[in-house]
Amino acid sequence: MSPHPTALLGLVLCLAQTIHTQEEDLPRPSISAEPGTVIPLGSHVTFVCRGPVGVQTFRLERESRSTYNDTEDVSQASPSESEARFRIDSDPRRGRRTTVTMSMHLLPKA
C-alpha cells in the first residue's frame, strides 16, 4: 500500500555540503531533519546541521540557492561538534518536495 498522498512532504537532504576554511582537512559536516525526512503536509521541519567545533556560521540553502538562511546561533553539541537548527514552516506554494543544501564557515585560526 502506498503512503497517503496528502500526508507526505518529501525532503531531499542534498549532502553537497561545503566547508569554507583555510587549507585544512576537516570532517565532513552532517545534516538531518526532525521529525524525519518525510513529514505530514502542513507541518514544520527542523534541519539540524552539525560540524566541527569552531564553526562560526551555518547556511541552509533551498531550491535554486536563491533562498537561504544564515545563522550564527551555533551551539556546542559535544566537545568535538558544533550544531545549528533551522525551523522551516510549511509553505503550500512550494509543492511536495524541497531540496536543501548546507554549508558552514569556520573561524580562521589565530
PDB file of N, CA and C in Angstrom:
ATOM      1  N   MET A   1       0.837  -1.177   0.000  1.00  0.00           N
ATOM      2  CA  MET A   1       0.000   0.000   0.000  1.00  0.00           C
ATOM      3  C   MET A   1       0.887   1.248   0.000  1.00  0.00           C
ATOM      4  N   SER A   2       0.571   2.177  -0.860  1.00  0.00           N
ATOM      5  CA  SER A   2       1.392   3.391  -0.942  1.00  0.00           C
ATOM      6  C   SER A   2       0.962   4.392   0.121  1.00  0.00           C
ATOM      7  N   PRO A   3       1.886   5.301   0.514  1.00  0.00           N
ATOM      8  CA  PRO A   3       1.548   6.313   1.510  1.00  0.00           C
ATOM      9  C   PRO A   3       0.405   7.198   1.031  1.00  0.00           C
ATOM     10  N   HIS A   4      -0.397   7.679   1.951  1.00  0.00           N
ATOM     11  CA  HIS A   4      -1.490   8.587   1.630  1.00  0.00           C
ATOM     12  C   HIS A   4      -0.900   9.852   1.024  1.00  0.00           C
ATOM     13  N   PRO A   5      -1.321  10.262  -0.192  1.00  0.00           N
ATOM     14  CA  PRO A   5      -0.656  11.358  -0.891  1.00  0.00           C
ATOM     15  C   PRO A   5      -0.685  12.698  -0.167  1.00  0.00           C
ATOM     16  N   THR A   6      -1.702  12.965   0.649  1.00  0.00           N
ATOM     17  CA  THR A   6      -1.740  14.259   1.327  1.00  0.00           C
ATOM     18  C   THR A   6      -0.934  14.259   2.610  1.00  0.00           C
ATOM     19  N   ALA A   7      -0.381  13.109   2.989  1.00  0.00           N
ATOM     20  CA  ALA A   7       0.316  13.015   4.270  1.00  0.00           C
ATOM     21  C   ALA A   7       1.832  13.086   4.140  1.00  0.00           C
ATOM     22  N   LEU A   8       2.337  13.321   2.937  1.00  0.00           N
ATOM     23  CA  LEU A   8       3.785  13.278   2.764  1.00  0.00           C
ATOM     24  C   LEU A   8       4.331  14.566   2.160  1.00  0.00           C
ATOM     25  N   LEU A   9       5.446  14.970   2.659  1.00  0.00           N
ATOM     26  CA  LEU A   9       6.236  16.039   2.058  1.00  0.00           C
ATOM     27  C   LEU A   9       7.635  15.489   1.948  1.00  0.00           C
ATOM     28  N   GLY A  10       8.102  15.228   0.742  1.00  0.00           N
ATOM     29  CA  GLY A  10       9.429  14.655   0.563  1.00  0.00           C
ATOM     30  C   GLY A  10      10.490  15.727   0.715  1.00  0.00           C
ATOM     31  N   LEU A  11      11.457  15.471   1.546  1.00  0.00           N
ATOM     32  CA  LEU A  11      12.575  16.385   1.744  1.00  0.00           C
ATOM     33  C   LEU A  11      13.835  15.705   1.256  1.00  0.00           C
ATOM     34  N   VAL A  12      14.481  16.300   0.292  1.00  0.00           N
ATOM     35  CA  VAL A  12      15.723  15.754  -0.214  1.00  0.00           C
ATOM     36  C   VAL A  12      16.850  16.463   0.522  1.00  0.00           C
ATOM     37  N   LEU A  13      17.568  15.723   1.336  1.00  0.00           N
ATOM     38  CA  LEU A  13      18.696  16.307   2.053  1.00  0.00           C
ATOM     39  C   LEU A  13      19.919  16.161   1.170  1.00  0.00           C
ATOM     40  N   CYS A  14      20.205  17.185   0.438  1.00  0.00           N
ATOM     41  CA  CYS A  14      21.303  17.163  -0.513  1.00  0.00           C
ATOM     42  C   CYS A  14      22.591  17.412   0.257  1.00  0.00           C
ATOM     43  N   LEU A  15      23.368  16.379   0.437  1.00  0.00           N
ATOM     44  CA  LEU A  15      24.574  16.497   1.243  1.00  0.00           C
ATOM     45  C   LEU A  15      25.745  17.014   0.420  1.00  0.00           C
ATOM     46  N   ALA A  16      25.470  18.036  -0.354  1.00  0.00           N
ATOM     47  CA  ALA A  16      26.526  18.708  -1.095  1.00  0.00           C
ATOM     48  C   ALA A  16      27.040  19.843  -0.237  1.00  0.00           C
ATOM     49  N   GLN A  17      27.420  19.480   0.969  1.00  0.00           N
ATOM     50  CA  GLN A  17      27.882  20.495   1.901  1.00  0.00           C
ATOM     51  C   GLN A  17      29.240  21.017   1.466  1.00  0.00           C
ATOM     52  N   THR A  18      29.476  22.247   1.836  1.00  0.00           N
ATOM     53  CA  THR A  18      30.784  22.825   1.567  1.00  0.00           C
ATOM     54  C   THR A  18      31.344  23.382   2.861  1.00  0.00           C
ATOM     55  N   ILE A  19      32.638  23.301   2.982  1.00  0.00           N
ATOM     56  CA  ILE A  19      33.318  23.846   4.144  1.00  0.00           C
ATOM     57  C   ILE A  19      34.205  24.975   3.649  1.00  0.00           C
ATOM     58  N   HIS A  20      34.009  26.161   4.209  1.00  0.00           N
ATOM     59  CA  HIS A  20      34.820  27.309   3.832  1.00  0.00           C
ATOM     60  C   HIS A  20      35.853  27.526   4.932  1.00  0.00           C
ATOM     61  N   THR A  21      37.096  27.246   4.616  1.00  0.00           N
ATOM     62  CA  THR A  21      38.162  27.346   5.605  1.00  0.00           C
ATOM     63  C   THR A  21      39.477  27.620   4.890  1.00  0.00           C
ATOM     64  N   GLN A  22      40.542  27.687   5.634  1.00  0.00           N
ATOM     65  CA  GLN A  22      41.851  27.952   5.062  1.00  0.00           C
ATOM     66  C   GLN A  22      42.683  26.673   5.046  1.00  0.00           C
ATOM     67  N   GLU A  23      42.788  26.025   3.883  1.00  0.00           N
ATOM     68  CA  GLU A  23      43.658  24.872   3.659  1.00  0.00           C
ATOM     69  C   GLU A  23      43.755  23.935   4.853  1.00  0.00           C
ATOM     70  N   GLU A  24      42.665  23.346   5.215  1.00  0.00           N
ATOM     71  CA  GLU A  24      42.672  22.444   6.359  1.00  0.00           C
ATOM     72  C   GLU A  24      41.695  21.314   6.092  1.00  0.00           C
ATOM     73  N   ASP A  25      42.127  20.083   6.360  1.00  0.00           N
ATOM     74  CA  ASP A  25      41.239  18.943   6.223  1.00  0.00           C
ATOM     75  C   ASP A  25      40.360  18.859   7.458  1.00  0.00           C
ATOM     76  N   LEU A  26      39.065  18.905   7.238  1.00  0.00           N
ATOM     77  CA  LEU A  26      38.110  18.864   8.334  1.00  0.00           C
ATOM     78  C   LEU A  26      37.122  17.732   8.111  1.00  0.00           C
ATOM     79  N   PRO A  27      36.501  17.252   9.178  1.00  0.00           N
ATOM     80  CA  PRO A  27      35.495  16.215   8.997  1.00  0.00           C
ATOM     81  C   PRO A  27      34.309  16.749   8.196  1.00  0.00           C
ATOM     82  N   ARG A  28      33.677  15.865   7.464  1.00  0.00           N
ATOM     83  CA  ARG A  28      32.514  16.230   6.661  1.00  0.00           C
ATOM     84  C   ARG A  28      31.361  16.633   7.584  1.00  0.00           C
ATOM     85  N   PRO A  29      30.696  17.749   7.289  1.00  0.00           N
ATOM     86  CA  PRO A  29      29.548  18.146   8.099  1.00  0.00           C
ATOM     87  C   PRO A  29      28.373  17.205   7.854  1.00  0.00           C
ATOM     88  N   SER A  30      27.377  17.266   8.719  1.00  0.00           N
ATOM     89  CA  SER A  30      26.196  16.419   8.538  1.00  0.00           C
ATOM     90  C   SER A  30      24.939  17.263   8.660  1.00  0.00           C
ATOM     91  N   ILE A  31      23.869  16.760   8.064  1.00  0.00           N
ATOM     92  CA  ILE A  31      22.571  17.419   8.135  1.00  0.00           C
ATOM     93  C   ILE A  31      21.519  16.343   8.341  1.00  0.00           C
ATOM     94  N   SER A  32      20.555  16.637   9.196  1.00  0.00           N
ATOM     95  CA  SER A  32      19.442  15.713   9.414  1.00  0.00           C
ATOM     96  C   SER A  32      18.170  16.533   9.555  1.00  0.00           C
ATOM     97  N   ALA A  33      17.038  15.850   9.496  1.00  0.00           N
ATOM     98  CA  ALA A  33      15.745  16.517   9.598  1.00  0.00           C
ATOM     99  C   ALA A  33      14.960  15.925  10.758  1.00  0.00           C
ATOM    100  N   GLU A  34      14.307  16.797  11.515  1.00  0.00           N
ATOM    101  CA  GLU A  34      13.437  16.357  12.601  1.00  0.00           C
ATOM    102  C   GLU A  34      12.030  16.871  12.315  1.00  0.00           C
ATOM    103  N   PRO A  35      11.007  16.081  12.365  1.00  0.00           N
ATOM    104  CA  PRO A  35      10.977  14.750  12.940  1.00  0.00           C
ATOM    105  C   PRO A  35      11.481  13.656  12.005  1.00  0.00           C
ATOM    106  N   GLY A  36      11.754  13.951  10.748  1.00  0.00           N
ATOM    107  CA  GLY A  36      12.274  12.963   9.804  1.00  0.00           C
ATOM    108  C   GLY A  36      12.276  13.567   8.413  1.00  0.00           C
ATOM    109  N   THR A  37      12.656  12.769   7.415  1.00  0.00           N
ATOM    110  CA  THR A  37      12.719  13.283   6.047  1.00  0.00           C
ATOM    111  C   THR A  37      11.373  13.238   5.349  1.00  0.00           C
ATOM    112  N   VAL A  38      10.395  12.562   5.925  1.00  0.00           N
ATOM    113  CA  VAL A  38       9.029  12.561   5.400  1.00  0.00           C
ATOM    114  C   VAL A  38       8.132  13.057   6.524  1.00  0.00           C
ATOM    115  N   ILE A  39       7.432  14.152   6.275  1.00  0.00           N
ATOM    116  CA  ILE A  39       6.588  14.745   7.312  1.00  0.00           C
ATOM    117  C   ILE A  39       5.199  15.021   6.743  1.00  0.00           C
ATOM    118  N   PRO A  40       4.194  15.142   7.592  1.00  0.00           N
ATOM    119  CA  PRO A  40       2.847  15.457   7.103  1.00  0.00           C
ATOM    120  C   PRO A  40       2.809  16.845   6.467  1.00  0.00           C
ATOM    121  N   LEU A  41       2.030  16.975   5.393  1.00  0.00           N
ATOM    122  CA  LEU A  41       1.841  18.286   4.784  1.00  0.00           C
ATOM    123  C   LEU A  41       1.260  19.231   5.822  1.00  0.00           C
ATOM    124  N   GLY A  42       1.710  20.462   5.816  1.00  0.00           N
ATOM    125  CA  GLY A  42       1.229  21.446   6.765  1.00  0.00           C
ATOM    126  C   GLY A  42       2.035  21.498   8.045  1.00  0.00           C
ATOM    127  N   SER A  43       2.950  20.558   8.216  1.00  0.00           N
ATOM    128  CA  SER A  43       3.788  20.541   9.413  1.00  0.00           C
ATOM    129  C   SER A  43       5.093  21.277   9.145  1.00  0.00           C
ATOM    130  N   HIS A  44       5.830  21.542  10.196  1.00  0.00           N
ATOM    131  CA  HIS A  44       7.153  22.152  10.047  1.00  0.00           C
ATOM    132  C   HIS A  44       8.221  21.062  10.143  1.00  0.00           C
ATOM    133  N   VAL A  45       9.409  21.422   9.712  1.00  0.00           N
ATOM    134  CA  VAL A  45      10.556  20.528   9.837  1.00  0.00           C
ATOM    135  C   VAL A  45      11.709  21.356  10.400  1.00  0.00           C
ATOM    136  N   THR A  46      12.542  20.730  11.194  1.00  0.00           N
ATOM    137  CA  THR A  46      13.735  21.382  11.715  1.00  0.00           C
ATOM    138  C   THR A  46      14.951  20.675  11.144  1.00  0.00           C
ATOM    139  N   PHE A  47      15.794  21.422  10.442  1.00  0.00           N
ATOM    140  CA  PHE A  47      17.037  20.865   9.933  1.00  0.00           C
ATOM    141  C   PHE A  47      18.116  21.089  10.983  1.00  0.00           C
ATOM    142  N   VAL A  48      18.839  20.026  11.301  1.00  0.00           N
ATOM    143  CA  VAL A  48      19.917  20.083  12.278  1.00  0.00           C
ATOM    144  C   VAL A  48      21.224  19.927  11.513  1.00  0.00           C
ATOM    145  N   CYS A  49      22.062  20.956  11.560  1.00  0.00           N
ATOM    146  CA  CYS A  49      23.353  20.949  10.870  1.00  0.00           C
ATOM    147  C   CYS A  49      24.446  20.788  11.919  1.00  0.00           C
ATOM    148  N   ARG A  50      25.368  19.859  11.664  1.00  0.00           N
ATOM    149  CA  ARG A  50      26.465  19.616  12.608  1.00  0.00           C
ATOM    150  C   ARG A  50      27.802  19.661  11.879  1.00  0.00           C
ATOM    151  N   GLY A  51      28.791  20.194  12.588  1.00  0.00           N
ATOM    152  CA  GLY A  51      30.143  20.261  12.055  1.00  0.00           C
ATOM    153  C   GLY A  51      31.123  20.341  13.206  1.00  0.00           C
ATOM    154  N   PRO A  52      32.405  20.486  12.908  1.00  0.00           N
ATOM    155  CA  PRO A  52      33.414  20.517  13.965  1.00  0.00           C
ATOM    156  C   PRO A  52      33.301  21.776  14.826  1.00  0.00           C
ATOM    157  N   VAL A  53      33.862  21.706  16.019  1.00  0.00           N
ATOM    158  CA  VAL A  53      33.913  22.867  16.903  1.00  0.00           C
ATOM    159  C   VAL A  53      34.651  23.992  16.186  1.00  0.00           C
ATOM    160  N   GLY A  54      34.192  25.210  16.352  1.00  0.00           N
ATOM    161  CA  GLY A  54      34.817  26.357  15.700  1.00  0.00           C
ATOM    162  C   GLY A  54      34.002  26.899  14.551  1.00  0.00           C
ATOM    163  N   VAL A  55      32.887  26.250  14.207  1.00  0.00           N
ATOM    164  CA  VAL A  55      32.044  26.763  13.134  1.00  0.00           C
ATOM    165  C   VAL A  55      31.442  28.089  13.583  1.00  0.00           C
ATOM    166  N   GLN A  56      31.550  29.086  12.734  1.00  0.00           N
ATOM    167  CA  GLN A  56      31.011  30.409  13.049  1.00  0.00           C
ATOM    168  C   GLN A  56      29.602  30.573  12.490  1.00  0.00           C
ATOM    169  N   THR A  57      29.388  30.121  11.256  1.00  0.00           N
ATOM    170  CA  THR A  57      28.108  30.319  10.583  1.00  0.00           C
ATOM    171  C   THR A  57      27.701  29.055   9.839  1.00  0.00           C
ATOM    172  N   PHE A  58      26.443  28.681   9.950  1.00  0.00           N
ATOM    173  CA  PHE A  58      25.858  27.643   9.112  1.00  0.00           C
ATOM    174  C   PHE A  58      24.913  28.334   8.136  1.00  0.00           C
ATOM    175  N   ARG A  59      24.865  27.856   6.899  1.00  0.00           N
ATOM    176  CA  ARG A  59      23.927  28.365   5.894  1.00  0.00           C
ATOM    177  C   ARG A  59      23.118  27.194   5.357  1.00  0.00           C
ATOM    178  N   LEU A  60      21.819  27.366   5.325  1.00  0.00           N
ATOM    179  CA  LEU A  60      20.914  26.376   4.753  1.00  0.00           C
ATOM    180  C   LEU A  60      20.314  26.997   3.504  1.00  0.00           C
ATOM    181  N   GLU A  61      20.530  26.358   2.347  1.00  0.00           N
ATOM    182  CA  GLU A  61      20.031  26.880   1.073  1.00  0.00           C
ATOM    183  C   GLU A  61      18.918  25.977   0.573  1.00  0.00           C
ATOM    184  N   ARG A  62      17.891  26.593   0.002  1.00  0.00           N
ATOM    185  CA  ARG A  62      16.767  25.835  -0.528  1.00  0.00           C
ATOM    186  C   ARG A  62      16.634  26.061  -2.024  1.00  0.00           C
ATOM    187  N   GLU A  63      16.133  25.016  -2.690  1.00  0.00           N
ATOM    188  CA  GLU A  63      15.823  25.052  -4.112  1.00  0.00           C
ATOM    189  C   GLU A  63      17.012  25.501  -4.941  1.00  0.00           C
ATOM    190  N   SER A  64      16.890  26.598  -5.661  1.00  0.00           N
ATOM    191  CA  SER A  64      17.926  27.023  -6.606  1.00  0.00           C
ATOM    192  C   SER A  64      18.982  27.904  -5.950  1.00  0.00           C
ATOM    193  N   ARG A  65      19.116  27.807  -4.637  1.00  0.00           N
ATOM    194  CA  ARG A  65      20.081  28.582  -3.857  1.00  0.00           C
ATOM    195  C   ARG A  65      19.770  30.078  -3.844  1.00  0.00           C
ATOM    196  N   SER A  66      18.601  30.456  -4.341  1.00  0.00           N
ATOM    197  CA  SER A  66      18.213  31.860  -4.260  1.00  0.00           C
ATOM    198  C   SER A  66      17.552  32.153  -2.914  1.00  0.00           C
ATOM    199  N   THR A  67      17.152  31.105  -2.204  1.00  0.00           N
ATOM    200  CA  THR A  67      16.564  31.256  -0.879  1.00  0.00           C
ATOM    201  C   THR A  67      17.494  30.605   0.125  1.00  0.00           C
ATOM    202  N   TYR A  68      17.930  31.360   1.120  1.00  0.00           N
ATOM    203  CA  TYR A  68      18.817  30.770   2.116  1.00  0.00           C
ATOM    204  C   TYR A  68      18.609  31.427   3.472  1.00  0.00           C
ATOM    205  N   ASN A  69      19.027  30.713   4.498  1.00  0.00           N
ATOM    206  CA  ASN A  69      19.010  31.212   5.869  1.00  0.00           C
ATOM    207  C   ASN A  69      20.417  31.051   6.419  1.00  0.00           C
ATOM    208  N   ASP A  70      20.961  32.102   7.012  1.00  0.00           N
ATOM    209  CA  ASP A  70      22.236  32.031   7.724  1.00  0.00           C
ATOM    210  C   ASP A  70      21.946  32.110   9.212  1.00  0.00           C
ATOM    211  N   THR A  71      22.728  31.413  10.002  1.00  0.00           N
ATOM    212  CA  THR A  71      22.631  31.582  11.444  1.00  0.00           C
ATOM    213  C   THR A  71      24.020  31.562  12.053  1.00  0.00           C
ATOM    214  N   GLU A  72      24.216  32.454  12.980  1.00  0.00           N
ATOM    215  CA  GLU A  72      25.426  32.434  13.794  1.00  0.00           C
ATOM    216  C   GLU A  72      25.078  31.946  15.196  1.00  0.00           C
ATOM    217  N   ASP A  73      23.847  31.448  15.345  1.00  0.00           N
ATOM    218  CA  ASP A  73      23.402  30.870  16.612  1.00  0.00           C
ATOM    219  C   ASP A  73      23.857  29.412  16.633  1.00  0.00           C
ATOM    220  N   VAL A  74      25.146  29.230  16.832  1.00  0.00           N
ATOM    221  CA  VAL A  74      25.776  27.910  16.793  1.00  0.00           C
ATOM    222  C   VAL A  74      26.071  27.486  18.224  1.00  0.00           C
ATOM    223  N   SER A  75      25.642  26.279  18.574  1.00  0.00           N
ATOM    224  CA  SER A  75      25.906  25.772  19.924  1.00  0.00           C
ATOM    225  C   SER A  75      26.914  24.635  19.853  1.00  0.00           C
ATOM    226  N   GLN A  76      27.496  24.319  20.967  1.00  0.00           N
ATOM    227  CA  GLN A  76      28.437  23.210  21.036  1.00  0.00           C
ATOM    228  C   GLN A  76      27.658  21.978  21.477  1.00  0.00           C
ATOM    229  N   ALA A  77      27.429  21.048  20.539  1.00  0.00           N
ATOM    230  CA  ALA A  77      26.635  19.853  20.807  1.00  0.00           C
ATOM    231  C   ALA A  77      27.411  18.832  21.627  1.00  0.00           C
ATOM    232  N   SER A  78      28.717  18.820  21.474  1.00  0.00           N
ATOM    233  CA  SER A  78      29.597  17.907  22.208  1.00  0.00           C
ATOM    234  C   SER A  78      30.980  18.559  22.243  1.00  0.00           C
ATOM    235  N   PRO A  79      31.947  17.947  22.930  1.00  0.00           N
ATOM    236  CA  PRO A  79      33.292  18.546  22.957  1.00  0.00           C
ATOM    237  C   PRO A  79      33.934  18.700  21.575  1.00  0.00           C
ATOM    238  N   SER A  80      33.458  17.933  20.588  1.00  0.00           N
ATOM    239  CA  SER A  80      34.080  17.992  19.265  1.00  0.00           C
ATOM    240  C   SER A  80      33.119  18.419  18.155  1.00  0.00           C
ATOM    241  N   GLU A  81      31.904  18.844  18.497  1.00  0.00           N
ATOM    242  CA  GLU A  81      30.902  19.097  17.466  1.00  0.00           C
ATOM    243  C   GLU A  81      30.085  20.361  17.746  1.00  0.00           C
ATOM    244  N   SER A  82      29.875  21.161  16.689  1.00  0.00           N
ATOM    245  CA  SER A  82      29.002  22.336  16.733  1.00  0.00           C
ATOM    246  C   SER A  82      27.682  21.988  16.063  1.00  0.00           C
ATOM    247  N   GLU A  83      26.629  22.732  16.412  1.00  0.00           N
ATOM    248  CA  GLU A  83      25.304  22.428  15.874  1.00  0.00           C
ATOM    249  C   GLU A  83      24.498  23.706  15.701  1.00  0.00           C
ATOM    250  N   ALA A  84      23.703  23.744  14.628  1.00  0.00           N
ATOM    251  CA  ALA A  84      22.739  24.826  14.415  1.00  0.00           C
ATOM    252  C   ALA A  84      21.433  24.197  13.956  1.00  0.00           C
ATOM    253  N   ARG A  85      20.321  24.829  14.297  1.00  0.00           N
ATOM    254  CA  ARG A  85      18.995  24.316  13.942  1.00  0.00           C
ATOM    255  C   ARG A  85      18.250  25.365  13.120  1.00  0.00           C
ATOM    256  N   PHE A  86      17.583  24.891  12.070  1.00  0.00           N
ATOM    257  CA  PHE A  86      16.781  25.742  11.199  1.00  0.00           C
ATOM    258  C   PHE A  86      15.362  25.186  11.147  1.00  0.00           C
ATOM    259  N   ARG A  87      14.390  25.952  11.627  1.00  0.00           N
ATOM    260  CA  ARG A  87      12.989  25.534  11.540  1.00  0.00           C
ATOM    261  C   ARG A  87      12.419  26.108  10.247  1.00  0.00           C
ATOM    262  N   ILE A  88      11.822  25.235   9.451  1.00  0.00           N
ATOM    263  CA  ILE A  88      11.187  25.637   8.202  1.00  0.00           C
ATOM    264  C   ILE A  88       9.701  25.328   8.329  1.00  0.00           C
ATOM    265  N   ASP A  89       8.876  26.363   8.237  1.00  0.00           N
ATOM    266  CA  ASP A  89       7.435  26.163   8.313  1.00  0.00           C
ATOM    267  C   ASP A  89       6.895  25.741   6.960  1.00  0.00           C
ATOM    268  N   SER A  90       5.752  25.088   6.984  1.00  0.00           N
ATOM    269  CA  SER A  90       5.110  24.605   5.772  1.00  0.00           C
ATOM    270  C   SER A  90       4.740  25.777   4.863  1.00  0.00           C
ATOM    271  N   ASP A  91       4.922  25.580   3.574  1.00  0.00           N
ATOM    272  CA  ASP A  91       4.535  26.575   2.580  1.00  0.00           C
ATOM    273  C   ASP A  91       3.853  25.832   1.439  1.00  0.00           C
ATOM    274  N   PRO A  92       2.519  25.894   1.354  1.00  0.00           N
ATOM    275  CA  PRO A  92       1.804  25.114   0.338  1.00  0.00           C
ATOM    276  C   PRO A  92       2.180  25.475  -1.090  1.00  0.00           C
ATOM    277  N   ARG A  93       2.772  26.643  -1.319  1.00  0.00           N
ATOM    278  CA  ARG A  93       3.177  27.031  -2.674  1.00  0.00           C
ATOM    279  C   ARG A  93       4.413  26.279  -3.139  1.00  0.00           C
ATOM    280  N   ARG A  94       5.152  25.691  -2.226  1.00  0.00           N
ATOM    281  CA  ARG A  94       6.411  25.016  -2.573  1.00  0.00           C
ATOM    282  C   ARG A  94       6.192  23.670  -3.246  1.00  0.00           C
ATOM    283  N   GLY A  95       5.055  23.052  -3.031  1.00  0.00           N
ATOM    284  CA  GLY A  95       4.842  21.723  -3.577  1.00  0.00           C
ATOM    285  C   GLY A  95       5.235  20.663  -2.578  1.00  0.00           C
ATOM    286  N   ARG A  96       5.459  19.474  -3.071  1.00  0.00           N
ATOM    287  CA  ARG A  96       5.674  18.330  -2.194  1.00  0.00           C
ATOM    288  C   ARG A  96       7.131  18.039  -1.888  1.00  0.00           C
ATOM    289  N   ARG A  97       8.064  18.589  -2.616  1.00  0.00           N
ATOM    290  CA  ARG A  97       9.473  18.244  -2.407  1.00  0.00           C
ATOM    291  C   ARG A  97      10.304  19.509  -2.283  1.00  0.00           C
ATOM    292  N   THR A  98      11.201  19.497  -1.333  1.00  0.00           N
ATOM    293  CA  THR A  98      12.124  20.607  -1.140  1.00  0.00           C
ATOM    294  C   THR A  98      13.535  20.056  -1.080  1.00  0.00           C
ATOM    295  N   THR A  99      14.440  20.661  -1.823  1.00  0.00           N
ATOM    296  CA  THR A  99      15.841  20.267  -1.791  1.00  0.00           C
ATOM    297  C   THR A  99      16.609  21.309  -0.994  1.00  0.00           C
ATOM    298  N   VAL A 100      17.435  20.838  -0.075  1.00  0.00           N
ATOM    299  CA  VAL A 100      18.233  21.761   0.729  1.00  0.00           C
ATOM    300  C   VAL A 100      19.696  21.356   0.680  1.00  0.00           C
ATOM    301  N   THR A 101      20.569  22.331   0.766  1.00  0.00           N
ATOM    302  CA  THR A 101      21.997  22.071   0.934  1.00  0.00           C
ATOM    303  C   THR A 101      22.472  22.887   2.132  1.00  0.00           C
ATOM    304  N   MET A 102      23.570  22.469   2.713  1.00  0.00           N
ATOM    305  CA  MET A 102      24.075  23.124   3.903  1.00  0.00           C
ATOM    306  C   MET A 102      25.541  23.436   3.709  1.00  0.00           C
ATOM    307  N   SER A 103      25.953  24.614   4.169  1.00  0.00           N
ATOM    308  CA  SER A 103      27.376  24.935   4.186  1.00  0.00           C
ATOM    309  C   SER A 103      27.703  25.546   5.538  1.00  0.00           C
ATOM    310  N   MET A 104      28.979  25.545   5.874  1.00  0.00           N
ATOM    311  CA  MET A 104      29.392  26.123   7.143  1.00  0.00           C
ATOM    312  C   MET A 104      30.688  26.881   6.948  1.00  0.00           C
ATOM    313  N   HIS A 105      30.881  27.886   7.775  1.00  0.00           N
ATOM    314  CA  HIS A 105      32.070  28.727   7.717  1.00  0.00           C
ATOM    315  C   HIS A 105      32.775  28.651   9.059  1.00  0.00           C
ATOM    316  N   LEU A 106      34.071  28.393   9.020  1.00  0.00           N
ATOM    317  CA  LEU A 106      34.852  28.268  10.244  1.00  0.00           C
ATOM    318  C   LEU A 106      35.575  29.563  10.554  1.00  0.00           C
ATOM    319  N   LEU A 107      35.769  29.803  11.843  1.00  0.00           N
ATOM    320  CA  LEU A 107      36.586  30.935  12.265  1.00  0.00           C
ATOM    321  C   LEU A 107      38.032  30.677  11.860  1.00  0.00           C
ATOM    322  N   PRO A 108      38.729  31.662  11.323  1.00  0.00           N
ATOM    323  CA  PRO A 108      40.143  31.449  10.999  1.00  0.00           C
ATOM    324  C   PRO A 108      40.948  31.254  12.276  1.00  0.00           C
ATOM    325  N   LYS A 109      42.000  30.438  12.173  1.00  0.00           N
ATOM    326  CA  LYS A 109      42.867  30.204  13.332  1.00  0.00           C
ATOM    327  C   LYS A 109      43.648  31.465  13.654  1.00  0.00           C
ATOM    328  N   ALA A 110      43.781  31.743  14.932  1.00  0.00           N
ATOM    329  CA  ALA A 110      44.511  32.941  15.365  1.00  0.00           C
ATOM    330  C   ALA A 110      46.004  32.691  15.342  1.00  0.00           C
TER     331      ALA A 110
END
